[in-house]
Amino acid sequence: MGRGNVCVTGQYEGLFYIDNDDINVYRRDAPDGDGPEHRLLRDLDYSELTGGGWCFDEHESRYEEEDILECFMDSFGRMFPSFSRVQGDVWIRTGAYGDYDRRVIMENSLFYIAVQDNQWSVAVELIQKEGPYDNRLSGLQARHYQRYLEGMKKCLLERLPSIGTYGGAWTSGCIKREELAG
């Protein structure tokens, strides 16, 4: 599980995980020279991974992650126009004294949407903005955060077959696209 679960700590926060099986792309050169074949990790079985024919493709994996996040931001921005994309690299701390390891991709006046590497997944997080001296935003955050989390789930599942959920220390769950439809 790598360095453990990435989690959120604010009262009106939440997250979903995009498993590396849905991000990591592997490549195999075609025997007839037609160009490489690409597959996601989730589409390879153990014997294919250990057989030596497939190798990790860093470039295509980065493109896959960018595409997933791009689709998410497009869909979420249409669903919630108050959110806008963040220009440039904006990083926020994990906790009051933590590292700057959350990359902000969208924000509105109440929340950030950030992504964070979790070794085995990428966490997509809804993070509360805080007033510098008080919690004046908490009433509005309480009113909206559940809707935003539902929207995040729906937008991620438009592009992915499943997403992970945080269940507590060292526990998680999974939501499949067909469960959302049903």
Protein backbone atom coordinates (compact mmCIF):
# COMPACT_ATOMS: atom_id res chain seq x y z
CA MET A 1 0.00 0.00 0.00
CA GLY A 2 2.98 2.32 -0.17
CA ARG A 3 3.02 5.16 2.32
CA GLY A 4 -0.52 4.61 3.54
CA ASN A 5 -3.85 6.13 2.76
CA VAL A 6 -4.03 9.76 1.81
CA CYS A 7 -6.93 11.19 3.77
CA VAL A 8 -8.72 14.45 4.48
CA THR A 9 -9.26 15.82 7.95
CA GLY A 10 -11.67 18.74 7.60
CA GLN A 11 -15.25 18.37 8.75
CA TYR A 12 -16.60 19.17 5.26
CA GLU A 13 -14.04 17.40 3.11
CA GLY A 14 -13.91 14.15 1.18
CA LEU A 15 -12.02 12.28 -1.50
CA PHE A 16 -12.03 9.53 -4.06
CA TYR A 17 -9.15 7.43 -5.34
CA ILE A 18 -8.22 6.71 -8.95
CA ASP A 19 -6.42 3.38 -8.83
CA ASN A 20 -3.11 3.10 -10.67
CA ASP A 21 -4.63 0.16 -12.58
CA ASP A 22 -6.68 2.81 -14.41
CA ILE A 23 -3.71 5.14 -14.99
CA ASN A 24 -0.62 3.03 -15.64
CA VAL A 25 -0.14 2.17 -19.31
CA TYR A 26 2.08 -0.66 -20.55
CA ARG A 27 3.54 -1.06 -24.02
CA ARG A 28 4.47 -4.07 -26.13
CA ASP A 29 6.17 -3.73 -29.49
CA ALA A 30 4.19 -5.43 -32.22
CA PRO A 31 6.03 -8.37 -33.84
CA ASP A 32 5.11 -7.22 -37.35
CA GLY A 33 6.55 -3.73 -36.80
CA ASP A 34 3.15 -1.98 -36.98
CA GLY A 35 3.90 0.03 -33.88
CA PRO A 36 3.43 -0.62 -30.20
CA GLU A 37 0.32 -1.98 -28.53
CA HIS A 38 -0.80 -0.17 -25.36
CA ARG A 39 -2.89 -1.52 -22.48
CA LEU A 40 -3.88 -0.28 -19.06
CA LEU A 41 -2.52 -2.21 -16.10
CA ARG A 42 -6.06 -3.39 -15.24
CA ASP A 43 -6.22 -5.15 -18.64
CA LEU A 44 -3.06 -7.22 -18.13
CA ASP A 45 -2.92 -10.44 -16.16
CA TYR A 46 -0.01 -11.63 -14.04
CA SER A 47 1.55 -13.84 -16.71
CA GLU A 48 1.54 -10.97 -19.22
CA LEU A 49 3.17 -8.63 -16.71
CA THR A 50 5.88 -11.10 -15.72
CA GLY A 51 6.44 -12.58 -19.19
CA GLY A 52 8.80 -9.81 -20.25
CA GLY A 53 6.84 -8.63 -23.29
CA TRP A 54 5.19 -5.63 -21.65
CA CYS A 55 7.00 -2.62 -20.22
CA PHE A 56 5.75 0.40 -18.31
CA ASP A 57 5.21 3.44 -20.57
CA GLU A 58 5.78 6.55 -18.48
CA HIS A 59 4.78 8.97 -21.23
CA GLU A 60 1.46 7.25 -22.03
CA SER A 61 0.71 6.85 -18.29
CA ARG A 62 1.19 10.57 -17.72
CA TYR A 63 -1.06 11.27 -20.73
CA GLU A 64 -3.72 8.90 -19.36
CA GLU A 65 -3.73 10.62 -15.96
CA GLU A 66 -3.93 14.06 -17.61
CA ASP A 67 -6.82 12.87 -19.78
CA ILE A 68 -8.74 11.50 -16.78
CA LEU A 69 -8.29 14.76 -14.88
CA GLU A 70 -9.14 16.85 -17.96
CA CYS A 71 -12.40 14.93 -18.45
CA PHE A 72 -13.18 15.31 -14.74
CA MET A 73 -12.55 19.09 -14.77
CA ASP A 74 -14.66 19.60 -17.90
CA SER A 75 -17.59 17.66 -16.49
CA PHE A 76 -17.35 19.07 -12.96
CA GLY A 77 -17.01 22.64 -14.25
CA ARG A 78 -20.20 22.23 -16.31
CA MET A 79 -22.01 20.75 -13.30
CA PHE A 80 -20.77 23.43 -10.87
CA PRO A 81 -19.96 26.68 -12.71
CA SER A 82 -18.74 28.31 -9.47
CA PHE A 83 -15.60 26.16 -9.78
CA SER A 84 -12.85 27.29 -12.09
CA ARG A 85 -9.61 25.72 -13.18
CA VAL A 86 -6.48 26.86 -11.44
CA GLN A 87 -3.88 28.42 -13.70
CA GLY A 88 -0.29 27.33 -13.18
CA ASP A 89 1.03 25.15 -10.40
CA VAL A 90 -0.72 25.78 -7.09
CA TRP A 91 0.15 23.52 -4.16
CA ILE A 92 -1.39 23.42 -0.69
CA ARG A 93 -0.28 21.77 2.52
CA THR A 94 -1.53 18.49 3.85
CA GLY A 95 -2.67 19.63 7.27
CA ALA A 96 -1.46 22.73 9.08
CA TYR A 97 2.20 21.68 9.14
CA GLY A 98 2.38 19.10 6.37
CA ASP A 99 4.20 19.12 3.07
CA TYR A 100 2.96 20.96 0.02
CA ASP A 101 1.93 17.77 -1.78
CA ARG A 102 -1.63 18.56 -2.88
CA ARG A 103 -1.81 20.03 -6.38
CA VAL A 104 -4.88 22.24 -6.78
CA ILE A 105 -6.70 21.76 -10.09
CA MET A 106 -9.96 23.66 -9.42
CA GLU A 107 -11.38 26.04 -6.82
CA ASN A 108 -14.30 28.21 -5.86
CA SER A 109 -14.72 30.60 -2.93
CA LEU A 110 -15.31 27.72 -0.48
CA PHE A 111 -13.24 24.74 -1.61
CA TYR A 112 -10.22 23.51 -3.48
CA ILE A 113 -10.21 20.36 -5.57
CA ALA A 114 -6.73 18.91 -5.35
CA VAL A 115 -4.94 15.77 -6.46
CA GLN A 116 -2.38 13.92 -4.38
CA ASP A 117 -0.19 10.91 -5.14
CA ASN A 118 -0.89 7.95 -2.89
CA GLN A 119 1.68 5.49 -4.35
CA TRP A 120 -1.09 3.01 -5.32
CA SER A 121 -3.57 5.65 -6.53
CA VAL A 122 -4.22 9.32 -7.13
CA ALA A 123 -6.52 10.94 -4.59
CA VAL A 124 -8.97 13.56 -5.87
CA GLU A 125 -9.84 15.65 -2.83
CA LEU A 126 -12.41 18.26 -1.88
CA ILE A 127 -10.57 20.52 0.58
CA GLN A 128 -12.12 23.32 2.64
CA LYS A 129 -10.76 26.81 2.27
CA GLU A 130 -10.21 28.41 5.62
CA GLY A 131 -10.52 32.00 6.69
CA PRO A 132 -7.23 33.29 8.08
CA TYR A 133 -8.68 34.07 11.53
CA ASP A 134 -12.01 32.29 11.84
CA ASN A 135 -14.31 29.61 10.45
CA ARG A 136 -16.76 32.03 8.79
CA LEU A 137 -17.00 29.79 5.70
CA SER A 138 -18.06 26.64 7.56
CA GLY A 139 -21.82 27.27 7.33
CA LEU A 140 -21.73 27.54 3.55
CA GLN A 141 -19.28 24.64 3.30
CA ALA A 142 -21.63 22.45 5.36
CA ARG A 143 -24.47 23.30 3.00
CA HIS A 144 -22.59 22.48 -0.22
CA TYR A 145 -19.91 19.84 0.39
CA GLN A 146 -22.17 16.76 0.07
CA ARG A 147 -23.45 17.95 -3.33
CA TYR A 148 -19.90 18.59 -4.49
CA LEU A 149 -18.78 15.12 -3.38
CA GLU A 150 -21.69 13.51 -5.22
CA GLY A 151 -20.77 15.53 -8.31
CA MET A 152 -17.12 14.48 -8.03
CA LYS A 153 -18.17 10.83 -7.83
CA LYS A 154 -20.45 11.13 -10.85
CA CYS A 155 -17.87 12.98 -12.96
CA LEU A 156 -15.07 10.50 -12.15
CA LEU A 157 -17.30 7.53 -12.95
CA GLU A 158 -18.18 9.02 -16.35
CA ARG A 159 -14.58 8.27 -17.35
CA LEU A 160 -13.54 5.41 -15.05
CA PRO A 161 -15.05 1.96 -14.40
CA SER A 162 -14.59 2.35 -10.62
CA ILE A 163 -13.19 4.65 -7.95
CA GLY A 164 -11.95 4.08 -4.44
CA THR A 165 -13.36 5.54 -1.23
CA TYR A 166 -11.76 6.24 2.13
CA GLY A 167 -13.12 4.05 4.90
CA GLY A 168 -10.78 4.88 7.77
CA ALA A 169 -7.21 4.09 8.68
CA TRP A 170 -5.99 1.35 6.30
CA THR A 171 -9.47 0.63 4.96
CA SER A 172 -11.11 1.64 1.72
CA GLY A 173 -14.05 0.80 -0.47
CA CYS A 174 -14.90 0.75 -4.15
CA ILE A 175 -17.74 2.29 -6.16
CA LYS A 176 -18.38 0.85 -9.61
CA ARG A 177 -19.94 2.79 -12.46
CA GLU A 178 -22.86 0.35 -12.72
CA GLU A 179 -23.70 0.90 -9.02
CA LEU A 180 -24.14 4.62 -9.68
CA ALA A 181 -26.49 3.96 -12.59
CA GLY A 182 -28.53 1.44 -10.63
